[in-house]
Amino acid sequence: MTRVIHVSLDEGEVLTRCNAAKVGISAVESLPMGGTRLVCMSVDGAATMRKKLKSQLIAGPVTRHLYRPGSPPL
């Protein structure tokens, strides 16, 4: 099972629901087509959020924003 979840909610709503469920977040980003990519800290947390957000899950592949850091890490 994976820690990544794609949902049709905005970032703020995803953060609120994860905090309410006491699920740790590793990363969260908006998707260009709408919705949010959520990476939970654990597989168990991701399973919990999949159950809670079942009706908002995005099925199939999604497109992400291209990420290019402005400067190399130190």
PDB file of N, CA and C in Angstrom:
ATOM      1  N   MET A   1       0.845  -1.169   0.000  1.00  0.00           N
ATOM      2  CA  MET A   1       0.000   0.000   0.000  1.00  0.00           C
ATOM      3  C   MET A   1       0.899   1.244   0.000  1.00  0.00           C
ATOM      4  N   THR A   2       0.396   2.325  -0.539  1.00  0.00           N
ATOM      5  CA  THR A   2       1.160   3.558  -0.671  1.00  0.00           C
ATOM      6  C   THR A   2       0.681   4.627   0.310  1.00  0.00           C
ATOM      7  N   ARG A   3       1.534   5.597   0.568  1.00  0.00           N
ATOM      8  CA  ARG A   3       1.183   6.708   1.465  1.00  0.00           C
ATOM      9  C   ARG A   3       0.563   7.876   0.706  1.00  0.00           C
ATOM     10  N   VAL A   4       0.524   7.797  -0.628  1.00  0.00           N
ATOM     11  CA  VAL A   4       0.040   8.899  -1.472  1.00  0.00           C
ATOM     12  C   VAL A   4      -1.459   8.761  -1.732  1.00  0.00           C
ATOM     13  N   ILE A   5      -2.181   9.883  -1.620  1.00  0.00           N
ATOM     14  CA  ILE A   5      -3.615   9.934  -1.879  1.00  0.00           C
ATOM     15  C   ILE A   5      -3.885  11.178  -2.725  1.00  0.00           C
ATOM     16  N   HIS A   6      -4.714  11.043  -3.741  1.00  0.00           N
ATOM     17  CA  HIS A   6      -5.156  12.181  -4.546  1.00  0.00           C
ATOM     18  C   HIS A   6      -6.638  12.393  -4.267  1.00  0.00           C
ATOM     19  N   VAL A   7      -6.996  13.603  -3.832  1.00  0.00           N
ATOM     20  CA  VAL A   7      -8.386  13.904  -3.480  1.00  0.00           C
ATOM     21  C   VAL A   7      -8.853  15.178  -4.177  1.00  0.00           C
ATOM     22  N   SER A   8     -10.167  15.291  -4.340  1.00  0.00           N
ATOM     23  CA  SER A   8     -10.755  16.444  -5.035  1.00  0.00           C
ATOM     24  C   SER A   8     -11.124  17.567  -4.065  1.00  0.00           C
ATOM     25  N   LEU A   9     -10.342  17.742  -3.025  1.00  0.00           N
ATOM     26  CA  LEU A   9     -10.534  18.809  -2.038  1.00  0.00           C
ATOM     27  C   LEU A   9      -9.380  19.788  -2.142  1.00  0.00           C
ATOM     28  N   ASP A  10      -9.563  21.014  -1.640  1.00  0.00           N
ATOM     29  CA  ASP A  10      -8.447  21.956  -1.640  1.00  0.00           C
ATOM     30  C   ASP A  10      -7.507  21.645  -0.467  1.00  0.00           C
ATOM     31  N   GLU A  11      -6.317  22.217  -0.530  1.00  0.00           N
ATOM     32  CA  GLU A  11      -5.282  21.946   0.475  1.00  0.00           C
ATOM     33  C   GLU A  11      -5.744  22.216   1.893  1.00  0.00           C
ATOM     34  N   GLY A  12      -6.404  23.337   2.106  1.00  0.00           N
ATOM     35  CA  GLY A  12      -6.853  23.701   3.448  1.00  0.00           C
ATOM     36  C   GLY A  12      -7.791  22.676   4.042  1.00  0.00           C
ATOM     37  N   GLU A  13      -8.718  22.184   3.241  1.00  0.00           N
ATOM     38  CA  GLU A  13      -9.668  21.172   3.721  1.00  0.00           C
ATOM     39  C   GLU A  13      -8.948  19.862   4.054  1.00  0.00           C
ATOM     40  N   VAL A  14      -7.976  19.485   3.231  1.00  0.00           N
ATOM     41  CA  VAL A  14      -7.204  18.267   3.473  1.00  0.00           C
ATOM     42  C   VAL A  14      -6.440  18.397   4.785  1.00  0.00           C
ATOM     43  N   LEU A  15      -5.796  19.542   5.003  1.00  0.00           N
ATOM     44  CA  LEU A  15      -5.051  19.759   6.247  1.00  0.00           C
ATOM     45  C   LEU A  15      -5.970  19.697   7.463  1.00  0.00           C
ATOM     46  N   THR A  16      -7.133  20.311   7.360  1.00  0.00           N
ATOM     47  CA  THR A  16      -8.098  20.306   8.457  1.00  0.00           C
ATOM     48  C   THR A  16      -8.544  18.892   8.790  1.00  0.00           C
ATOM     49  N   ARG A  17      -8.856  18.120   7.763  1.00  0.00           N
ATOM     50  CA  ARG A  17      -9.335  16.752   7.996  1.00  0.00           C
ATOM     51  C   ARG A  17      -8.236  15.840   8.535  1.00  0.00           C
ATOM     52  N   CYS A  18      -7.009  16.023   8.083  1.00  0.00           N
ATOM     53  CA  CYS A  18      -5.897  15.226   8.615  1.00  0.00           C
ATOM     54  C   CYS A  18      -5.641  15.568  10.080  1.00  0.00           C
ATOM     55  N   ASN A  19      -5.681  16.857  10.409  1.00  0.00           N
ATOM     56  CA  ASN A  19      -5.500  17.267  11.805  1.00  0.00           C
ATOM     57  C   ASN A  19      -6.598  16.705  12.693  1.00  0.00           C
ATOM     58  N   ALA A  20      -7.841  16.717  12.224  1.00  0.00           N
ATOM     59  CA  ALA A  20      -8.964  16.183  12.993  1.00  0.00           C
ATOM     60  C   ALA A  20      -8.802  14.683  13.233  1.00  0.00           C
ATOM     61  N   ALA A  21      -8.240  13.981  12.251  1.00  0.00           N
ATOM     62  CA  ALA A  21      -8.039  12.529  12.366  1.00  0.00           C
ATOM     63  C   ALA A  21      -6.707  12.183  13.026  1.00  0.00           C
ATOM     64  N   LYS A  22      -5.909  13.224  13.347  1.00  0.00           N
ATOM     65  CA  LYS A  22      -4.580  13.038  13.956  1.00  0.00           C
ATOM     66  C   LYS A  22      -3.665  12.179  13.076  1.00  0.00           C
ATOM     67  N   VAL A  23      -3.692  12.498  11.770  1.00  0.00           N
ATOM     68  CA  VAL A  23      -2.852  11.808  10.793  1.00  0.00           C
ATOM     69  C   VAL A  23      -1.720  12.744  10.397  1.00  0.00           C
ATOM     70  N   GLY A  24      -0.486  12.258  10.498  1.00  0.00           N
ATOM     71  CA  GLY A  24       0.684  13.053  10.139  1.00  0.00           C
ATOM     72  C   GLY A  24       0.816  13.220   8.633  1.00  0.00           C
ATOM     73  N   ILE A  25       1.270  14.394   8.219  1.00  0.00           N
ATOM     74  CA  ILE A  25       1.421  14.711   6.800  1.00  0.00           C
ATOM     75  C   ILE A  25       2.900  14.866   6.470  1.00  0.00           C
ATOM     76  N   SER A  26       3.323  14.168   5.435  1.00  0.00           N
ATOM     77  CA  SER A  26       4.693  14.294   4.957  1.00  0.00           C
ATOM     78  C   SER A  26       4.789  15.397   3.909  1.00  0.00           C
ATOM     79  N   ALA A  27       3.809  15.441   2.989  1.00  0.00           N
ATOM     80  CA  ALA A  27       3.784  16.469   1.938  1.00  0.00           C
ATOM     81  C   ALA A  27       2.356  16.670   1.475  1.00  0.00           C
ATOM     82  N   VAL A  28       2.086  17.888   1.009  1.00  0.00           N
ATOM     83  CA  VAL A  28       0.777  18.207   0.438  1.00  0.00           C
ATOM     84  C   VAL A  28       1.009  19.229  -0.670  1.00  0.00           C
ATOM     85  N   GLU A  29       0.333  19.029  -1.818  1.00  0.00           N
ATOM     86  CA  GLU A  29       0.493  19.969  -2.922  1.00  0.00           C
ATOM     87  C   GLU A  29      -0.789  20.030  -3.739  1.00  0.00           C
ATOM     88  N   SER A  30      -1.057  21.199  -4.285  1.00  0.00           N
ATOM     89  CA  SER A  30      -2.214  21.374  -5.162  1.00  0.00           C
ATOM     90  C   SER A  30      -1.912  20.754  -6.515  1.00  0.00           C
ATOM     91  N   LEU A  31      -2.944  20.217  -7.146  1.00  0.00           N
ATOM     92  CA  LEU A  31      -2.804  19.633  -8.473  1.00  0.00           C
ATOM     93  C   LEU A  31      -3.301  20.624  -9.520  1.00  0.00           C
ATOM     94  N   PRO A  32      -2.671  20.686 -10.702  1.00  0.00           N
ATOM     95  CA  PRO A  32      -3.071  21.643 -11.723  1.00  0.00           C
ATOM     96  C   PRO A  32      -4.515  21.455 -12.198  1.00  0.00           C
ATOM     97  N   MET A  33      -5.009  20.235 -12.199  1.00  0.00           N
ATOM     98  CA  MET A  33      -6.377  19.969 -12.661  1.00  0.00           C
ATOM     99  C   MET A  33      -7.408  20.191 -11.569  1.00  0.00           C
ATOM    100  N   GLY A  34      -6.959  20.573 -10.382  1.00  0.00           N
ATOM    101  CA  GLY A  34      -7.834  20.739  -9.232  1.00  0.00           C
ATOM    102  C   GLY A  34      -7.670  19.565  -8.296  1.00  0.00           C
ATOM    103  N   GLY A  35      -7.794  19.814  -7.041  1.00  0.00           N
ATOM    104  CA  GLY A  35      -7.604  18.762  -6.053  1.00  0.00           C
ATOM    105  C   GLY A  35      -6.246  18.868  -5.390  1.00  0.00           C
ATOM    106  N   THR A  36      -5.942  17.861  -4.584  1.00  0.00           N
ATOM    107  CA  THR A  36      -4.727  17.883  -3.778  1.00  0.00           C
ATOM    108  C   THR A  36      -4.062  16.527  -3.761  1.00  0.00           C
ATOM    109  N   ARG A  37      -2.733  16.535  -3.766  1.00  0.00           N
ATOM    110  CA  ARG A  37      -1.933  15.325  -3.571  1.00  0.00           C
ATOM    111  C   ARG A  37      -1.483  15.332  -2.122  1.00  0.00           C
ATOM    112  N   LEU A  38      -1.818  14.289  -1.398  1.00  0.00           N
ATOM    113  CA  LEU A  38      -1.480  14.160   0.015  1.00  0.00           C
ATOM    114  C   LEU A  38      -0.551  12.977   0.203  1.00  0.00           C
ATOM    115  N   VAL A  39       0.555  13.192   0.914  1.00  0.00           N
ATOM    116  CA  VAL A  39       1.455  12.100   1.292  1.00  0.00           C
ATOM    117  C   VAL A  39       1.455  12.042   2.810  1.00  0.00           C
ATOM    118  N   CYS A  40       0.953  10.947   3.347  1.00  0.00           N
ATOM    119  CA  CYS A  40       0.873  10.779   4.795  1.00  0.00           C
ATOM    120  C   CYS A  40       2.196  10.257   5.342  1.00  0.00           C
ATOM    121  N   MET A  41       2.410  10.436   6.633  1.00  0.00           N
ATOM    122  CA  MET A  41       3.645   9.985   7.284  1.00  0.00           C
ATOM    123  C   MET A  41       3.715   8.461   7.374  1.00  0.00           C
ATOM    124  N   SER A  42       2.562   7.794   7.399  1.00  0.00           N
ATOM    125  CA  SER A  42       2.556   6.339   7.523  1.00  0.00           C
ATOM    126  C   SER A  42       1.501   5.725   6.612  1.00  0.00           C
ATOM    127  N   VAL A  43       1.665   4.452   6.333  1.00  0.00           N
ATOM    128  CA  VAL A  43       0.690   3.706   5.546  1.00  0.00           C
ATOM    129  C   VAL A  43      -0.629   3.621   6.303  1.00  0.00           C
ATOM    130  N   ASP A  44      -0.553   3.478   7.629  1.00  0.00           N
ATOM    131  CA  ASP A  44      -1.767   3.414   8.451  1.00  0.00           C
ATOM    132  C   ASP A  44      -2.535   4.729   8.387  1.00  0.00           C
ATOM    133  N   GLY A  45      -1.825   5.851   8.424  1.00  0.00           N
ATOM    134  CA  GLY A  45      -2.463   7.157   8.309  1.00  0.00           C
ATOM    135  C   GLY A  45      -3.133   7.314   6.952  1.00  0.00           C
ATOM    136  N   ALA A  46      -2.465   6.846   5.893  1.00  0.00           N
ATOM    137  CA  ALA A  46      -3.042   6.921   4.552  1.00  0.00           C
ATOM    138  C   ALA A  46      -4.305   6.069   4.456  1.00  0.00           C
ATOM    139  N   ALA A  47      -4.292   4.896   5.080  1.00  0.00           N
ATOM    140  CA  ALA A  47      -5.480   4.030   5.074  1.00  0.00           C
ATOM    141  C   ALA A  47      -6.640   4.714   5.801  1.00  0.00           C
ATOM    142  N   THR A  48      -6.339   5.366   6.904  1.00  0.00           N
ATOM    143  CA  THR A  48      -7.369   6.098   7.655  1.00  0.00           C
ATOM    144  C   THR A  48      -7.977   7.195   6.796  1.00  0.00           C
ATOM    145  N   MET A  49      -7.129   7.963   6.106  1.00  0.00           N
ATOM    146  CA  MET A  49      -7.633   9.067   5.286  1.00  0.00           C
ATOM    147  C   MET A  49      -8.378   8.560   4.056  1.00  0.00           C
ATOM    148  N   ARG A  50      -7.964   7.420   3.496  1.00  0.00           N
ATOM    149  CA  ARG A  50      -8.702   6.851   2.366  1.00  0.00           C
ATOM    150  C   ARG A  50     -10.132   6.510   2.784  1.00  0.00           C
ATOM    151  N   LYS A  51     -10.289   5.991   3.990  1.00  0.00           N
ATOM    152  CA  LYS A  51     -11.631   5.661   4.499  1.00  0.00           C
ATOM    153  C   LYS A  51     -12.445   6.931   4.714  1.00  0.00           C
ATOM    154  N   LYS A  52     -11.824   7.944   5.320  1.00  0.00           N
ATOM    155  CA  LYS A  52     -12.530   9.184   5.643  1.00  0.00           C
ATOM    156  C   LYS A  52     -12.856  10.018   4.399  1.00  0.00           C
ATOM    157  N   LEU A  53     -12.010   9.924   3.374  1.00  0.00           N
ATOM    158  CA  LEU A  53     -12.190  10.734   2.170  1.00  0.00           C
ATOM    159  C   LEU A  53     -12.623   9.896   0.962  1.00  0.00           C
ATOM    160  N   LYS A  54     -13.235   8.769   1.217  1.00  0.00           N
ATOM    161  CA  LYS A  54     -13.585   7.813   0.163  1.00  0.00           C
ATOM    162  C   LYS A  54     -14.330   8.457  -1.009  1.00  0.00           C
ATOM    163  N   SER A  55     -15.292   9.303  -0.730  1.00  0.00           N
ATOM    164  CA  SER A  55     -16.093   9.898  -1.813  1.00  0.00           C
ATOM    165  C   SER A  55     -15.346  11.007  -2.562  1.00  0.00           C
ATOM    166  N   GLN A  56     -14.215  11.485  -2.035  1.00  0.00           N
ATOM    167  CA  GLN A  56     -13.445  12.553  -2.687  1.00  0.00           C
ATOM    168  C   GLN A  56     -12.176  12.044  -3.374  1.00  0.00           C
ATOM    169  N   LEU A  57     -11.920  10.731  -3.362  1.00  0.00           N
ATOM    170  CA  LEU A  57     -10.712  10.194  -3.981  1.00  0.00           C
ATOM    171  C   LEU A  57     -10.758  10.383  -5.491  1.00  0.00           C
ATOM    172  N   ILE A  58      -9.602  10.707  -6.069  1.00  0.00           N
ATOM    173  CA  ILE A  58      -9.472  10.834  -7.517  1.00  0.00           C
ATOM    174  C   ILE A  58      -8.920   9.514  -8.033  1.00  0.00           C
ATOM    175  N   ALA A  59      -9.665   8.873  -8.932  1.00  0.00           N
ATOM    176  CA  ALA A  59      -9.226   7.601  -9.510  1.00  0.00           C
ATOM    177  C   ALA A  59      -8.394   7.870 -10.759  1.00  0.00           C
ATOM    178  N   GLY A  60      -7.421   7.037 -11.006  1.00  0.00           N
ATOM    179  CA  GLY A  60      -6.618   7.161 -12.214  1.00  0.00           C
ATOM    180  C   GLY A  60      -5.428   8.094 -12.040  1.00  0.00           C
ATOM    181  N   PRO A  61      -4.661   8.257 -13.106  1.00  0.00           N
ATOM    182  CA  PRO A  61      -3.461   9.100 -13.044  1.00  0.00           C
ATOM    183  C   PRO A  61      -3.803  10.585 -12.940  1.00  0.00           C
ATOM    184  N   VAL A  62      -2.911  11.331 -12.301  1.00  0.00           N
ATOM    185  CA  VAL A  62      -3.065  12.778 -12.185  1.00  0.00           C
ATOM    186  C   VAL A  62      -1.792  13.458 -12.674  1.00  0.00           C
ATOM    187  N   THR A  63      -1.922  14.702 -13.077  1.00  0.00           N
ATOM    188  CA  THR A  63      -0.774  15.505 -13.506  1.00  0.00           C
ATOM    189  C   THR A  63      -0.360  16.402 -12.355  1.00  0.00           C
ATOM    190  N   ARG A  64       0.947  16.454 -12.097  1.00  0.00           N
ATOM    191  CA  ARG A  64       1.469  17.308 -11.034  1.00  0.00           C
ATOM    192  C   ARG A  64       2.207  18.488 -11.646  1.00  0.00           C
ATOM    193  N   HIS A  65       2.385  19.544 -10.846  1.00  0.00           N
ATOM    194  CA  HIS A  65       3.204  20.680 -11.268  1.00  0.00           C
ATOM    195  C   HIS A  65       4.652  20.225 -11.342  1.00  0.00           C
ATOM    196  N   LEU A  66       5.373  20.739 -12.314  1.00  0.00           N
ATOM    197  CA  LEU A  66       6.798  20.465 -12.420  1.00  0.00           C
ATOM    198  C   LEU A  66       7.511  21.212 -11.306  1.00  0.00           C
ATOM    199  N   TYR A  67       8.346  20.530 -10.545  1.00  0.00           N
ATOM    200  CA  TYR A  67       9.052  21.152  -9.434  1.00  0.00           C
ATOM    201  C   TYR A  67      10.522  21.298  -9.781  1.00  0.00           C
ATOM    202  N   ARG A  68      11.007  22.520  -9.740  1.00  0.00           N
ATOM    203  CA  ARG A  68      12.424  22.789  -9.950  1.00  0.00           C
ATOM    204  C   ARG A  68      12.885  23.745  -8.865  1.00  0.00           C
ATOM    205  N   PRO A  69      13.723  23.266  -7.968  1.00  0.00           N
ATOM    206  CA  PRO A  69      14.196  24.145  -6.899  1.00  0.00           C
ATOM    207  C   PRO A  69      14.989  25.316  -7.464  1.00  0.00           C
ATOM    208  N   GLY A  70      14.873  26.474  -6.800  1.00  0.00           N
ATOM    209  CA  GLY A  70      15.561  27.674  -7.245  1.00  0.00           C
ATOM    210  C   GLY A  70      17.063  27.610  -7.072  1.00  0.00           C
ATOM    211  N   SER A  71      17.506  26.892  -6.075  1.00  0.00           N
ATOM    212  CA  SER A  71      18.942  26.747  -5.846  1.00  0.00           C
ATOM    213  C   SER A  71      19.212  25.354  -5.314  1.00  0.00           C
ATOM    214  N   PRO A  72      20.425  24.850  -5.525  1.00  0.00           N
ATOM    215  CA  PRO A  72      20.732  23.496  -5.036  1.00  0.00           C
ATOM    216  C   PRO A  72      20.734  23.464  -3.504  1.00  0.00           C
ATOM    217  N   PRO A  73      20.389  22.318  -2.930  1.00  0.00           N
ATOM    218  CA  PRO A  73      20.411  22.216  -1.474  1.00  0.00           C
ATOM    219  C   PRO A  73      21.830  22.360  -0.936  1.00  0.00           C
ATOM    220  N   LEU A  74      21.926  22.876   0.265  1.00  0.00           N
ATOM    221  CA  LEU A  74      23.258  23.069   0.874  1.00  0.00           C
ATOM    222  C   LEU A  74      23.809  21.814   1.457  1.00  0.00           C
TER     223      LEU A  74
END
